[in-house]
């Protein structure tokens, strides 16, 4: 199971190679403008109603659309439960040199940390 997740992450890293500058800029802007210390990039192929769109897959050479969101929005929408906030912050802090991605696919959704 772990090998499959690692393989999926490697495929995702390749797919997002051209996205990385825009993802990093969105993350940095959220932090610099003091919107949140916990930016989350939401990747999806079918429309989702969370965050603000940064990349529209119809307008780029890629398979993913991206919205910029925050831990606070995830909490408000109860995607991160109140009792899980501290463990999420701890996980997030342990990946400071990564971009936090909420990957939404046809089989479900999960947090992934993409190296910068």
PDB file of N, CA and C in Angstrom:
ATOM      1  N   UNK A   1       0.827  -1.195   0.000  1.00  0.00           N
ATOM      2  CA  UNK A   1       0.000   0.000   0.000  1.00  0.00           C
ATOM      3  C   UNK A   1       0.870   1.258   0.000  1.00  0.00           C
ATOM      4  N   UNK A   2       1.897   1.278   0.843  1.00  0.00           N
ATOM      5  CA  UNK A   2       2.788   2.437   0.916  1.00  0.00           C
ATOM      6  C   UNK A   2       3.485   2.668  -0.418  1.00  0.00           C
ATOM      7  N   UNK A   3       3.907   1.572  -1.095  1.00  0.00           N
ATOM      8  CA  UNK A   3       4.562   1.707  -2.393  1.00  0.00           C
ATOM      9  C   UNK A   3       3.639   2.376  -3.397  1.00  0.00           C
ATOM     10  N   UNK A   4       2.374   2.015  -3.381  1.00  0.00           N
ATOM     11  CA  UNK A   4       1.402   2.597  -4.300  1.00  0.00           C
ATOM     12  C   UNK A   4       1.284   4.097  -4.057  1.00  0.00           C
ATOM     13  N   UNK A   5       1.227   4.509  -2.803  1.00  0.00           N
ATOM     14  CA  UNK A   5       1.118   5.929  -2.476  1.00  0.00           C
ATOM     15  C   UNK A   5       2.381   6.678  -2.922  1.00  0.00           C
ATOM     16  N   UNK A   6       3.539   6.069  -2.718  1.00  0.00           N
ATOM     17  CA  UNK A   6       4.793   6.695  -3.157  1.00  0.00           C
ATOM     18  C   UNK A   6       4.835   6.812  -4.678  1.00  0.00           C
ATOM     19  N   UNK A   7       4.362   5.789  -5.377  1.00  0.00           N
ATOM     20  CA  UNK A   7       4.321   5.834  -6.840  1.00  0.00           C
ATOM     21  C   UNK A   7       3.371   6.934  -7.310  1.00  0.00           C
ATOM     22  N   UNK A   8       2.223   7.041  -6.659  1.00  0.00           N
ATOM     23  CA  UNK A   8       1.260   8.078  -7.018  1.00  0.00           C
ATOM     24  C   UNK A   8       1.858   9.463  -6.797  1.00  0.00           C
ATOM     25  N   UNK A   9       2.610   9.625  -5.706  1.00  0.00           N
ATOM     26  CA  UNK A   9       3.241  10.913  -5.429  1.00  0.00           C
ATOM     27  C   UNK A   9       4.269  11.258  -6.505  1.00  0.00           C
ATOM     28  N   UNK A  10       5.041  10.283  -6.950  1.00  0.00           N
ATOM     29  CA  UNK A  10       6.035  10.519  -8.010  1.00  0.00           C
ATOM     30  C   UNK A  10       5.351  10.929  -9.311  1.00  0.00           C
ATOM     31  N   UNK A  11       4.245  10.266  -9.654  1.00  0.00           N
ATOM     32  CA  UNK A  11       3.491  10.618 -10.861  1.00  0.00           C
ATOM     33  C   UNK A  11       2.943  12.042 -10.717  1.00  0.00           C
ATOM     34  N   UNK A  12       2.398  12.342  -9.552  1.00  0.00           N
ATOM     35  CA  UNK A  12       1.851  13.671  -9.295  1.00  0.00           C
ATOM     36  C   UNK A  12       2.943  14.736  -9.398  1.00  0.00           C
ATOM     37  N   UNK A  13       4.132  14.456  -8.855  1.00  0.00           N
ATOM     38  CA  UNK A  13       5.243  15.407  -8.926  1.00  0.00           C
ATOM     39  C   UNK A  13       5.575  15.732 -10.378  1.00  0.00           C
ATOM     40  N   UNK A  14       5.588  14.721 -11.236  1.00  0.00           N
ATOM     41  CA  UNK A  14       5.862  14.946 -12.657  1.00  0.00           C
ATOM     42  C   UNK A  14       4.759  15.774 -13.294  1.00  0.00           C
ATOM     43  N   UNK A  15       3.511  15.422 -13.000  1.00  0.00           N
ATOM     44  CA  UNK A  15       2.376  16.147 -13.564  1.00  0.00           C
ATOM     45  C   UNK A  15       2.366  17.617 -13.139  1.00  0.00           C
ATOM     46  N   UNK A  16       2.836  17.896 -11.924  1.00  0.00           N
ATOM     47  CA  UNK A  16       2.758  19.252 -11.382  1.00  0.00           C
ATOM     48  C   UNK A  16       4.020  20.075 -11.585  1.00  0.00           C
ATOM     49  N   UNK A  17       4.983  19.522 -12.307  1.00  0.00           N
ATOM     50  CA  UNK A  17       6.255  20.218 -12.516  1.00  0.00           C
ATOM     51  C   UNK A  17       6.031  21.650 -13.041  1.00  0.00           C
ATOM     52  N   UNK A  18       5.159  21.802 -14.036  1.00  0.00           N
ATOM     53  CA  UNK A  18       4.909  23.128 -14.602  1.00  0.00           C
ATOM     54  C   UNK A  18       4.026  23.990 -13.704  1.00  0.00           C
ATOM     55  N   UNK A  19       3.327  23.376 -12.777  1.00  0.00           N
ATOM     56  CA  UNK A  19       2.444  24.095 -11.856  1.00  0.00           C
ATOM     57  C   UNK A  19       3.216  24.703 -10.679  1.00  0.00           C
ATOM     58  N   UNK A  20       4.362  24.115 -10.384  1.00  0.00           N
ATOM     59  CA  UNK A  20       5.059  24.442  -9.140  1.00  0.00           C
ATOM     60  C   UNK A  20       5.273  25.947  -8.910  1.00  0.00           C
ATOM     61  N   UNK A  21       5.715  26.721  -9.915  1.00  0.00           N
ATOM     62  CA  UNK A  21       5.895  28.156  -9.655  1.00  0.00           C
ATOM     63  C   UNK A  21       4.598  28.843  -9.200  1.00  0.00           C
ATOM     64  N   UNK A  22       3.483  28.521  -9.818  1.00  0.00           N
ATOM     65  CA  UNK A  22       2.200  29.129  -9.434  1.00  0.00           C
ATOM     66  C   UNK A  22       1.768  28.660  -8.051  1.00  0.00           C
ATOM     67  N   UNK A  23       2.000  27.387  -7.743  1.00  0.00           N
ATOM     68  CA  UNK A  23       1.655  26.867  -6.414  1.00  0.00           C
ATOM     69  C   UNK A  23       2.477  27.570  -5.340  1.00  0.00           C
ATOM     70  N   UNK A  24       3.781  27.682  -5.569  1.00  0.00           N
ATOM     71  CA  UNK A  24       4.656  28.338  -4.594  1.00  0.00           C
ATOM     72  C   UNK A  24       4.286  29.804  -4.413  1.00  0.00           C
ATOM     73  N   UNK A  25       3.944  30.485  -5.507  1.00  0.00           N
ATOM     74  CA  UNK A  25       3.557  31.891  -5.415  1.00  0.00           C
ATOM     75  C   UNK A  25       2.276  32.031  -4.595  1.00  0.00           C
ATOM     76  N   UNK A  26       1.302  31.155  -4.819  1.00  0.00           N
ATOM     77  CA  UNK A  26       0.050  31.217  -4.057  1.00  0.00           C
ATOM     78  C   UNK A  26       0.314  30.976  -2.573  1.00  0.00           C
ATOM     79  N   UNK A  27       1.125  29.959  -2.264  1.00  0.00           N
ATOM     80  CA  UNK A  27       1.456  29.650  -0.865  1.00  0.00           C
ATOM     81  C   UNK A  27       2.145  30.850  -0.217  1.00  0.00           C
ATOM     82  N   UNK A  28       3.156  31.396  -0.895  1.00  0.00           N
ATOM     83  CA  UNK A  28       3.904  32.529  -0.346  1.00  0.00           C
ATOM     84  C   UNK A  28       3.013  33.756  -0.146  1.00  0.00           C
ATOM     85  N   UNK A  29       2.112  34.009  -1.083  1.00  0.00           N
ATOM     86  CA  UNK A  29       1.211  35.157  -0.972  1.00  0.00           C
ATOM     87  C   UNK A  29       0.286  35.013   0.233  1.00  0.00           C
ATOM     88  N   UNK A  30      -0.260  33.819   0.437  1.00  0.00           N
ATOM     89  CA  UNK A  30      -1.153  33.580   1.582  1.00  0.00           C
ATOM     90  C   UNK A  30      -0.412  33.840   2.898  1.00  0.00           C
ATOM     91  N   UNK A  31       0.832  33.390   2.978  1.00  0.00           N
ATOM     92  CA  UNK A  31       1.620  33.583   4.203  1.00  0.00           C
ATOM     93  C   UNK A  31       2.041  35.047   4.352  1.00  0.00           C
ATOM     94  N   UNK A  32       2.578  35.646   3.276  1.00  0.00           N
ATOM     95  CA  UNK A  32       3.077  37.028   3.350  1.00  0.00           C
ATOM     96  C   UNK A  32       1.967  38.030   3.648  1.00  0.00           C
ATOM     97  N   UNK A  33       0.778  37.803   3.121  1.00  0.00           N
ATOM     98  CA  UNK A  33      -0.352  38.713   3.361  1.00  0.00           C
ATOM     99  C   UNK A  33      -1.051  38.399   4.678  1.00  0.00           C
ATOM    100  N   UNK A  34      -0.464  37.456   5.425  1.00  0.00           N
ATOM    101  CA  UNK A  34      -0.959  37.056   6.740  1.00  0.00           C
ATOM    102  C   UNK A  34      -2.412  36.574   6.711  1.00  0.00           C
ATOM    103  N   UNK A  35      -2.764  35.915   5.611  1.00  0.00           N
ATOM    104  CA  UNK A  35      -4.086  35.298   5.510  1.00  0.00           C
ATOM    105  C   UNK A  35      -4.104  34.056   6.402  1.00  0.00           C
ATOM    106  N   UNK A  36      -3.018  33.278   6.322  1.00  0.00           N
ATOM    107  CA  UNK A  36      -2.898  32.059   7.117  1.00  0.00           C
ATOM    108  C   UNK A  36      -1.451  31.599   7.122  1.00  0.00           C
ATOM    109  N   UNK A  37      -1.078  30.893   8.172  1.00  0.00           N
ATOM    110  CA  UNK A  37       0.227  30.231   8.204  1.00  0.00           C
ATOM    111  C   UNK A  37       0.123  28.810   7.663  1.00  0.00           C
ATOM    112  N   UNK A  38      -1.091  28.420   7.251  1.00  0.00           N
ATOM    113  CA  UNK A  38      -1.336  27.046   6.807  1.00  0.00           C
ATOM    114  C   UNK A  38      -2.087  27.025   5.473  1.00  0.00           C
ATOM    115  N   UNK A  39      -1.412  27.481   4.389  1.00  0.00           N
ATOM    116  CA  UNK A  39      -2.063  27.428   3.080  1.00  0.00           C
ATOM    117  C   UNK A  39      -2.204  25.984   2.591  1.00  0.00           C
ATOM    118  N   UNK A  40      -3.290  25.727   1.899  1.00  0.00           N
ATOM    119  CA  UNK A  40      -3.558  24.407   1.323  1.00  0.00           C
ATOM    120  C   UNK A  40      -3.959  24.611  -0.135  1.00  0.00           C
ATOM    121  N   UNK A  41      -3.283  23.923  -1.033  1.00  0.00           N
ATOM    122  CA  UNK A  41      -3.644  23.960  -2.441  1.00  0.00           C
ATOM    123  C   UNK A  41      -4.579  22.773  -2.733  1.00  0.00           C
ATOM    124  N   UNK A  42      -5.725  23.057  -3.292  1.00  0.00           N
ATOM    125  CA  UNK A  42      -6.717  22.024  -3.582  1.00  0.00           C
ATOM    126  C   UNK A  42      -6.608  21.674  -5.070  1.00  0.00           C
ATOM    127  N   UNK A  43      -6.252  20.419  -5.373  1.00  0.00           N
ATOM    128  CA  UNK A  43      -6.138  19.955  -6.754  1.00  0.00           C
ATOM    129  C   UNK A  43      -7.344  19.095  -7.085  1.00  0.00           C
ATOM    130  N   UNK A  44      -7.926  19.343  -8.236  1.00  0.00           N
ATOM    131  CA  UNK A  44      -9.138  18.627  -8.612  1.00  0.00           C
ATOM    132  C   UNK A  44      -9.307  18.611 -10.126  1.00  0.00           C
ATOM    133  N   UNK A  45     -10.166  17.703 -10.597  1.00  0.00           N
ATOM    134  CA  UNK A  45     -10.513  17.643 -12.012  1.00  0.00           C
ATOM    135  C   UNK A  45     -11.990  17.966 -12.224  1.00  0.00           C
ATOM    136  N   UNK A  46     -12.807  17.642 -11.242  1.00  0.00           N
ATOM    137  CA  UNK A  46     -14.224  18.025 -11.276  1.00  0.00           C
ATOM    138  C   UNK A  46     -14.398  19.138 -10.259  1.00  0.00           C
ATOM    139  N   UNK A  47     -15.208  20.148 -10.571  1.00  0.00           N
ATOM    140  CA  UNK A  47     -15.323  21.338  -9.717  1.00  0.00           C
ATOM    141  C   UNK A  47     -15.560  21.036  -8.238  1.00  0.00           C
ATOM    142  N   UNK A  48     -14.889  21.822  -7.408  1.00  0.00           N
ATOM    143  CA  UNK A  48     -15.065  21.771  -5.952  1.00  0.00           C
ATOM    144  C   UNK A  48     -15.394  23.188  -5.483  1.00  0.00           C
ATOM    145  N   UNK A  49     -16.012  23.268  -4.330  1.00  0.00           N
ATOM    146  CA  UNK A  49     -16.399  24.577  -3.816  1.00  0.00           C
ATOM    147  C   UNK A  49     -15.629  24.905  -2.552  1.00  0.00           C
ATOM    148  N   UNK A  50     -14.324  25.002  -2.715  1.00  0.00           N
ATOM    149  CA  UNK A  50     -13.470  25.409  -1.600  1.00  0.00           C
ATOM    150  C   UNK A  50     -12.288  26.185  -2.166  1.00  0.00           C
ATOM    151  N   UNK A  51     -11.955  27.273  -1.528  1.00  0.00           N
ATOM    152  CA  UNK A  51     -10.819  28.074  -1.958  1.00  0.00           C
ATOM    153  C   UNK A  51     -11.120  28.949  -3.164  1.00  0.00           C
ATOM    154  N   UNK A  52     -10.079  29.625  -3.611  1.00  0.00           N
ATOM    155  CA  UNK A  52     -10.158  30.502  -4.782  1.00  0.00           C
ATOM    156  C   UNK A  52      -9.307  29.912  -5.895  1.00  0.00           C
ATOM    157  N   UNK A  53      -9.857  29.901  -7.105  1.00  0.00           N
ATOM    158  CA  UNK A  53      -9.138  29.267  -8.211  1.00  0.00           C
ATOM    159  C   UNK A  53      -7.857  30.015  -8.565  1.00  0.00           C
ATOM    160  N   UNK A  54      -6.787  29.223  -8.693  1.00  0.00           N
ATOM    161  CA  UNK A  54      -5.475  29.735  -9.072  1.00  0.00           C
ATOM    162  C   UNK A  54      -5.138  29.272 -10.488  1.00  0.00           C
ATOM    163  N   UNK A  55      -5.507  28.031 -10.802  1.00  0.00           N
ATOM    164  CA  UNK A  55      -5.228  27.445 -12.119  1.00  0.00           C
ATOM    165  C   UNK A  55      -6.478  26.725 -12.609  1.00  0.00           C
ATOM    166  N   UNK A  56      -6.862  27.014 -13.853  1.00  0.00           N
ATOM    167  CA  UNK A  56      -7.993  26.332 -14.504  1.00  0.00           C
ATOM    168  C   UNK A  56      -7.406  25.360 -15.523  1.00  0.00           C
ATOM    169  N   UNK A  57      -7.673  24.075 -15.341  1.00  0.00           N
ATOM    170  CA  UNK A  57      -7.065  23.070 -16.218  1.00  0.00           C
ATOM    171  C   UNK A  57      -7.467  23.239 -17.676  1.00  0.00           C
ATOM    172  N   UNK A  58      -8.570  23.943 -17.923  1.00  0.00           N
ATOM    173  CA  UNK A  58      -9.012  24.200 -19.298  1.00  0.00           C
ATOM    174  C   UNK A  58      -8.103  25.223 -19.988  1.00  0.00           C
ATOM    175  N   UNK A  59      -7.335  25.972 -19.197  1.00  0.00           N
ATOM    176  CA  UNK A  59      -6.514  27.056 -19.738  1.00  0.00           C
ATOM    177  C   UNK A  59      -5.017  26.791 -19.661  1.00  0.00           C
ATOM    178  N   UNK A  60      -4.633  25.616 -19.171  1.00  0.00           N
ATOM    179  CA  UNK A  60      -3.211  25.277 -19.068  1.00  0.00           C
ATOM    180  C   UNK A  60      -2.982  23.884 -19.659  1.00  0.00           C
ATOM    181  N   UNK A  61      -1.727  23.590 -19.895  1.00  0.00           N
ATOM    182  CA  UNK A  61      -1.378  22.252 -20.379  1.00  0.00           C
ATOM    183  C   UNK A  61      -1.216  21.346 -19.161  1.00  0.00           C
ATOM    184  N   UNK A  62      -2.319  20.839 -18.659  1.00  0.00           N
ATOM    185  CA  UNK A  62      -2.272  19.982 -17.487  1.00  0.00           C
ATOM    186  C   UNK A  62      -3.625  19.361 -17.220  1.00  0.00           C
ATOM    187  N   UNK A  63      -3.634  18.416 -16.302  1.00  0.00           N
ATOM    188  CA  UNK A  63      -4.853  17.681 -15.979  1.00  0.00           C
ATOM    189  C   UNK A  63      -5.573  18.196 -14.752  1.00  0.00           C
ATOM    190  N   UNK A  64      -4.983  19.169 -14.050  1.00  0.00           N
ATOM    191  CA  UNK A  64      -5.512  19.575 -12.758  1.00  0.00           C
ATOM    192  C   UNK A  64      -5.878  21.047 -12.724  1.00  0.00           C
ATOM    193  N   UNK A  65      -6.975  21.342 -12.047  1.00  0.00           N
ATOM    194  CA  UNK A  65      -7.293  22.711 -11.653  1.00  0.00           C
ATOM    195  C   UNK A  65      -6.833  22.842 -10.203  1.00  0.00           C
ATOM    196  N   UNK A  66      -6.517  24.075  -9.800  1.00  0.00           N
ATOM    197  CA  UNK A  66      -5.999  24.307  -8.452  1.00  0.00           C
ATOM    198  C   UNK A  66      -6.723  25.493  -7.822  1.00  0.00           C
ATOM    199  N   UNK A  67      -7.168  25.301  -6.599  1.00  0.00           N
ATOM    200  CA  UNK A  67      -7.703  26.386  -5.787  1.00  0.00           C
ATOM    201  C   UNK A  67      -6.784  26.582  -4.598  1.00  0.00           C
ATOM    202  N   UNK A  68      -6.666  27.828  -4.154  1.00  0.00           N
ATOM    203  CA  UNK A  68      -5.891  28.142  -2.953  1.00  0.00           C
ATOM    204  C   UNK A  68      -6.856  28.252  -1.783  1.00  0.00           C
ATOM    205  N   UNK A  69      -6.521  27.585  -0.694  1.00  0.00           N
ATOM    206  CA  UNK A  69      -7.348  27.617   0.502  1.00  0.00           C
ATOM    207  C   UNK A  69      -6.435  27.683   1.722  1.00  0.00           C
ATOM    208  N   UNK A  70      -7.044  27.521   2.889  1.00  0.00           N
ATOM    209  CA  UNK A  70      -6.292  27.579   4.141  1.00  0.00           C
ATOM    210  C   UNK A  70      -6.857  26.556   5.122  1.00  0.00           C
ATOM    211  N   UNK A  71      -6.065  26.261   6.136  1.00  0.00           N
ATOM    212  CA  UNK A  71      -6.531  25.373   7.189  1.00  0.00           C
ATOM    213  C   UNK A  71      -7.805  25.940   7.823  1.00  0.00           C
ATOM    214  N   UNK A  72      -7.846  27.250   7.980  1.00  0.00           N
ATOM    215  CA  UNK A  72      -9.004  27.885   8.612  1.00  0.00           C
ATOM    216  C   UNK A  72     -10.288  27.644   7.805  1.00  0.00           C
ATOM    217  N   UNK A  73     -10.185  27.716   6.481  1.00  0.00           N
ATOM    218  CA  UNK A  73     -11.365  27.432   5.653  1.00  0.00           C
ATOM    219  C   UNK A  73     -11.754  25.961   5.775  1.00  0.00           C
ATOM    220  N   UNK A  74     -10.764  25.086   5.809  1.00  0.00           N
ATOM    221  CA  UNK A  74     -11.043  23.655   5.973  1.00  0.00           C
ATOM    222  C   UNK A  74     -11.746  23.397   7.300  1.00  0.00           C
ATOM    223  N   UNK A  75     -11.343  24.135   8.342  1.00  0.00           N
ATOM    224  CA  UNK A  75     -11.995  23.994   9.644  1.00  0.00           C
ATOM    225  C   UNK A  75     -13.436  24.515   9.573  1.00  0.00           C
ATOM    226  N   UNK A  76     -13.626  25.670   8.951  1.00  0.00           N
ATOM    227  CA  UNK A  76     -14.958  26.260   8.851  1.00  0.00           C
ATOM    228  C   UNK A  76     -15.914  25.343   8.082  1.00  0.00           C
ATOM    229  N   UNK A  77     -15.380  24.630   7.096  1.00  0.00           N
ATOM    230  CA  UNK A  77     -16.202  23.712   6.296  1.00  0.00           C
ATOM    231  C   UNK A  77     -16.218  22.296   6.896  1.00  0.00           C
ATOM    232  N   UNK A  78     -15.607  22.166   8.060  1.00  0.00           N
ATOM    233  CA  UNK A  78     -15.536  20.907   8.795  1.00  0.00           C
ATOM    234  C   UNK A  78     -14.867  19.774   8.002  1.00  0.00           C
ATOM    235  N   UNK A  79     -13.892  20.160   7.160  1.00  0.00           N
ATOM    236  CA  UNK A  79     -13.066  19.172   6.472  1.00  0.00           C
ATOM    237  C   UNK A  79     -11.905  18.747   7.373  1.00  0.00           C
ATOM    238  N   UNK A  80     -11.556  19.625   8.324  1.00  0.00           N
ATOM    239  CA  UNK A  80     -10.629  19.283   9.401  1.00  0.00           C
ATOM    240  C   UNK A  80     -11.427  19.494  10.682  1.00  0.00           C
ATOM    241  N   UNK A  81     -11.610  18.427  11.416  1.00  0.00           N
ATOM    242  CA  UNK A  81     -12.385  18.505  12.653  1.00  0.00           C
ATOM    243  C   UNK A  81     -11.585  19.222  13.738  1.00  0.00           C
ATOM    244  N   UNK A  82     -12.281  19.894  14.622  1.00  0.00           N
ATOM    245  CA  UNK A  82     -11.662  20.671  15.709  1.00  0.00           C
ATOM    246  C   UNK A  82     -10.642  19.841  16.494  1.00  0.00           C
ATOM    247  N   UNK A  83     -10.981  18.583  16.796  1.00  0.00           N
ATOM    248  CA  UNK A  83     -10.076  17.748  17.586  1.00  0.00           C
ATOM    249  C   UNK A  83      -8.850  17.281  16.794  1.00  0.00           C
ATOM    250  N   UNK A  84      -8.844  17.506  15.482  1.00  0.00           N
ATOM    251  CA  UNK A  84      -7.710  17.100  14.646  1.00  0.00           C
ATOM    252  C   UNK A  84      -6.789  18.265  14.280  1.00  0.00           C
ATOM    253  N   UNK A  85      -7.148  19.470  14.697  1.00  0.00           N
ATOM    254  CA  UNK A  85      -6.383  20.665  14.311  1.00  0.00           C
ATOM    255  C   UNK A  85      -4.935  20.590  14.766  1.00  0.00           C
ATOM    256  N   UNK A  86      -4.695  20.232  16.017  1.00  0.00           N
ATOM    257  CA  UNK A  86      -3.315  20.195  16.527  1.00  0.00           C
ATOM    258  C   UNK A  86      -2.471  19.159  15.799  1.00  0.00           C
ATOM    259  N   UNK A  87      -3.042  17.991  15.512  1.00  0.00           N
ATOM    260  CA  UNK A  87      -2.266  16.977  14.783  1.00  0.00           C
ATOM    261  C   UNK A  87      -2.030  17.424  13.340  1.00  0.00           C
ATOM    262  N   UNK A  88      -2.995  18.143  12.745  1.00  0.00           N
ATOM    263  CA  UNK A  88      -2.792  18.670  11.395  1.00  0.00           C
ATOM    264  C   UNK A  88      -1.667  19.706  11.407  1.00  0.00           C
ATOM    265  N   UNK A  89      -1.696  20.627  12.382  1.00  0.00           N
ATOM    266  CA  UNK A  89      -0.637  21.637  12.481  1.00  0.00           C
ATOM    267  C   UNK A  89       0.734  20.985  12.641  1.00  0.00           C
ATOM    268  N   UNK A  90       0.808  19.960  13.464  1.00  0.00           N
ATOM    269  CA  UNK A  90       2.064  19.255  13.692  1.00  0.00           C
ATOM    270  C   UNK A  90       2.561  18.605  12.400  1.00  0.00           C
ATOM    271  N   UNK A  91       1.659  17.949  11.677  1.00  0.00           N
ATOM    272  CA  UNK A  91       2.018  17.333  10.392  1.00  0.00           C
ATOM    273  C   UNK A  91       2.471  18.407   9.412  1.00  0.00           C
ATOM    274  N   UNK A  92       1.745  19.504   9.354  1.00  0.00           N
ATOM    275  CA  UNK A  92       2.063  20.604   8.448  1.00  0.00           C
ATOM    276  C   UNK A  92       3.450  21.169   8.757  1.00  0.00           C
ATOM    277  N   UNK A  93       3.705  21.426  10.038  1.00  0.00           N
ATOM    278  CA  UNK A  93       4.996  21.984  10.463  1.00  0.00           C
ATOM    279  C   UNK A  93       6.155  21.042  10.134  1.00  0.00           C
ATOM    280  N   UNK A  94       5.911  19.745  10.178  1.00  0.00           N
ATOM    281  CA  UNK A  94       6.975  18.785   9.870  1.00  0.00           C
ATOM    282  C   UNK A  94       7.271  18.716   8.367  1.00  0.00           C
ATOM    283  N   UNK A  95       6.472  19.409   7.555  1.00  0.00           N
ATOM    284  CA  UNK A  95       6.667  19.453   6.100  1.00  0.00           C
ATOM    285  C   UNK A  95       6.829  20.899   5.631  1.00  0.00           C
ATOM    286  N   UNK A  96       7.576  21.693   6.382  1.00  0.00           N
ATOM    287  CA  UNK A  96       7.750  23.118   6.068  1.00  0.00           C
ATOM    288  C   UNK A  96       8.329  23.360   4.677  1.00  0.00           C
ATOM    289  N   UNK A  97       9.119  22.422   4.173  1.00  0.00           N
ATOM    290  CA  UNK A  97       9.733  22.589   2.853  1.00  0.00           C
ATOM    291  C   UNK A  97       8.899  21.916   1.760  1.00  0.00           C
ATOM    292  N   UNK A  98       7.616  21.756   2.031  1.00  0.00           N
ATOM    293  CA  UNK A  98       6.694  21.138   1.078  1.00  0.00           C
ATOM    294  C   UNK A  98       5.482  22.051   0.861  1.00  0.00           C
ATOM    295  N   UNK A  99       4.736  21.748  -0.191  1.00  0.00           N
ATOM    296  CA  UNK A  99       3.465  22.418  -0.445  1.00  0.00           C
ATOM    297  C   UNK A  99       2.370  21.449  -0.018  1.00  0.00           C
ATOM    298  N   UNK A 100       1.462  21.917   0.828  1.00  0.00           N
ATOM    299  CA  UNK A 100       0.354  21.080   1.294  1.00  0.00           C
ATOM    300  C   UNK A 100      -0.725  21.067   0.216  1.00  0.00           C
ATOM    301  N   UNK A 101      -1.051  19.875  -0.233  1.00  0.00           N
ATOM    302  CA  UNK A 101      -2.047  19.698  -1.287  1.00  0.00           C
ATOM    303  C   UNK A 101      -3.174  18.819  -0.774  1.00  0.00           C
ATOM    304  N   UNK A 102      -4.392  19.252  -1.046  1.00  0.00           N
ATOM    305  CA  UNK A 102      -5.572  18.427  -0.798  1.00  0.00           C
ATOM    306  C   UNK A 102      -5.984  17.914  -2.167  1.00  0.00           C
ATOM    307  N   UNK A 103      -5.692  16.656  -2.418  1.00  0.00           N
ATOM    308  CA  UNK A 103      -5.896  16.044  -3.727  1.00  0.00           C
ATOM    309  C   UNK A 103      -7.272  15.398  -3.778  1.00  0.00           C
ATOM    310  N   UNK A 104      -8.111  15.895  -4.681  1.00  0.00           N
ATOM    311  CA  UNK A 104      -9.469  15.378  -4.834  1.00  0.00           C
ATOM    312  C   UNK A 104      -9.528  14.589  -6.143  1.00  0.00           C
ATOM    313  N   UNK A 105      -9.800  13.280  -6.018  1.00  0.00           N
ATOM    314  CA  UNK A 105      -9.912  12.423  -7.204  1.00  0.00           C
ATOM    315  C   UNK A 105     -11.266  11.724  -7.189  1.00  0.00           C
ATOM    316  N   UNK A 106     -11.516  10.937  -8.213  1.00  0.00           N
ATOM    317  CA  UNK A 106     -12.789  10.219  -8.294  1.00  0.00           C
ATOM    318  C   UNK A 106     -12.921   9.158  -7.204  1.00  0.00           C
ATOM    319  N   UNK A 107     -11.813   8.749  -6.608  1.00  0.00           N
ATOM    320  CA  UNK A 107     -11.866   7.724  -5.558  1.00  0.00           C
ATOM    321  C   UNK A 107     -11.829   8.298  -4.144  1.00  0.00           C
ATOM    322  N   UNK A 108     -11.697   9.614  -4.024  1.00  0.00           N
ATOM    323  CA  UNK A 108     -11.678  10.212  -2.695  1.00  0.00           C
ATOM    324  C   UNK A 108     -10.772  11.428  -2.644  1.00  0.00           C
ATOM    325  N   UNK A 109     -10.418  11.821  -1.432  1.00  0.00           N
ATOM    326  CA  UNK A 109      -9.567  12.998  -1.242  1.00  0.00           C
ATOM    327  C   UNK A 109      -8.588  12.716  -0.114  1.00  0.00           C
ATOM    328  N   UNK A 110      -7.385  13.298  -0.230  1.00  0.00           N
ATOM    329  CA  UNK A 110      -6.367  13.068   0.777  1.00  0.00           C
ATOM    330  C   UNK A 110      -5.357  14.215   0.752  1.00  0.00           C
ATOM    331  N   UNK A 111      -4.707  14.437   1.885  1.00  0.00           N
ATOM    332  CA  UNK A 111      -3.634  15.418   1.954  1.00  0.00           C
ATOM    333  C   UNK A 111      -2.344  14.778   1.458  1.00  0.00           C
ATOM    334  N   UNK A 112      -1.598  15.556   0.656  1.00  0.00           N
ATOM    335  CA  UNK A 112      -0.315  15.121   0.128  1.00  0.00           C
ATOM    336  C   UNK A 112       0.635  16.299   0.300  1.00  0.00           C
ATOM    337  N   UNK A 113       1.896  16.004   0.589  1.00  0.00           N
ATOM    338  CA  UNK A 113       2.885  17.070   0.718  1.00  0.00           C
ATOM    339  C   UNK A 113       3.882  16.943  -0.413  1.00  0.00           C
ATOM    340  N   UNK A 114       3.898  17.951  -1.286  1.00  0.00           N
ATOM    341  CA  UNK A 114       4.739  17.981  -2.471  1.00  0.00           C
ATOM    342  C   UNK A 114       6.011  18.759  -2.167  1.00  0.00           C
ATOM    343  N   UNK A 115       7.179  18.129  -2.341  1.00  0.00           N
ATOM    344  CA  UNK A 115       8.438  18.867  -2.095  1.00  0.00           C
ATOM    345  C   UNK A 115       8.513  20.125  -2.968  1.00  0.00           C
ATOM    346  N   UNK A 116       9.038  21.208  -2.371  1.00  0.00           N
ATOM    347  CA  UNK A 116       9.182  22.472  -3.129  1.00  0.00           C
ATOM    348  C   UNK A 116      10.312  22.400  -4.120  1.00  0.00           C
TER     349      UNK A 116
END
